[in-house]
């Protein structure tokens, strides 16, 4: 009997921890406003569209001092567990370049694109929830 109480207590603690991990990020707003260099050139852009969650703003592909940068402007979305920014050739998250974890859920944010990435092929910007393999939102660069 005493052993089953410990097991039930352990299960409750694990469930609370999991709920916190899954729910807390949705209420956490991180705002960031990053600058660009003076010699920036817009190569393409696209408006963010909702998929699993609402989103505002646009994604802009910029050449800045010889480097390609993906910039989110007037961006706003909810947070989630382990969101990443993908440049992808599809909306299924099967063929992509991972630009890393989301830096902010609101503002103007820059992501460096690694040298050699074909931005004509990888012309879709995905906000991707890694643990659940869910597309939060996306923009198509054109």
Foldseek 3Di string as FASTA:
>chain_A
DVVVVVVVVVVVVVVVVVCCLFPVQQPDFFEDADDADPPKDWDWKWFKDFDQWDKGFIWTWIQGPNFTKIKTAQIATGGGRFKWKWQAQDQQPPGTDTQGTDPGRGHIDITTDDPPDDCVNSQKIFGARPVVSDTGIITGID
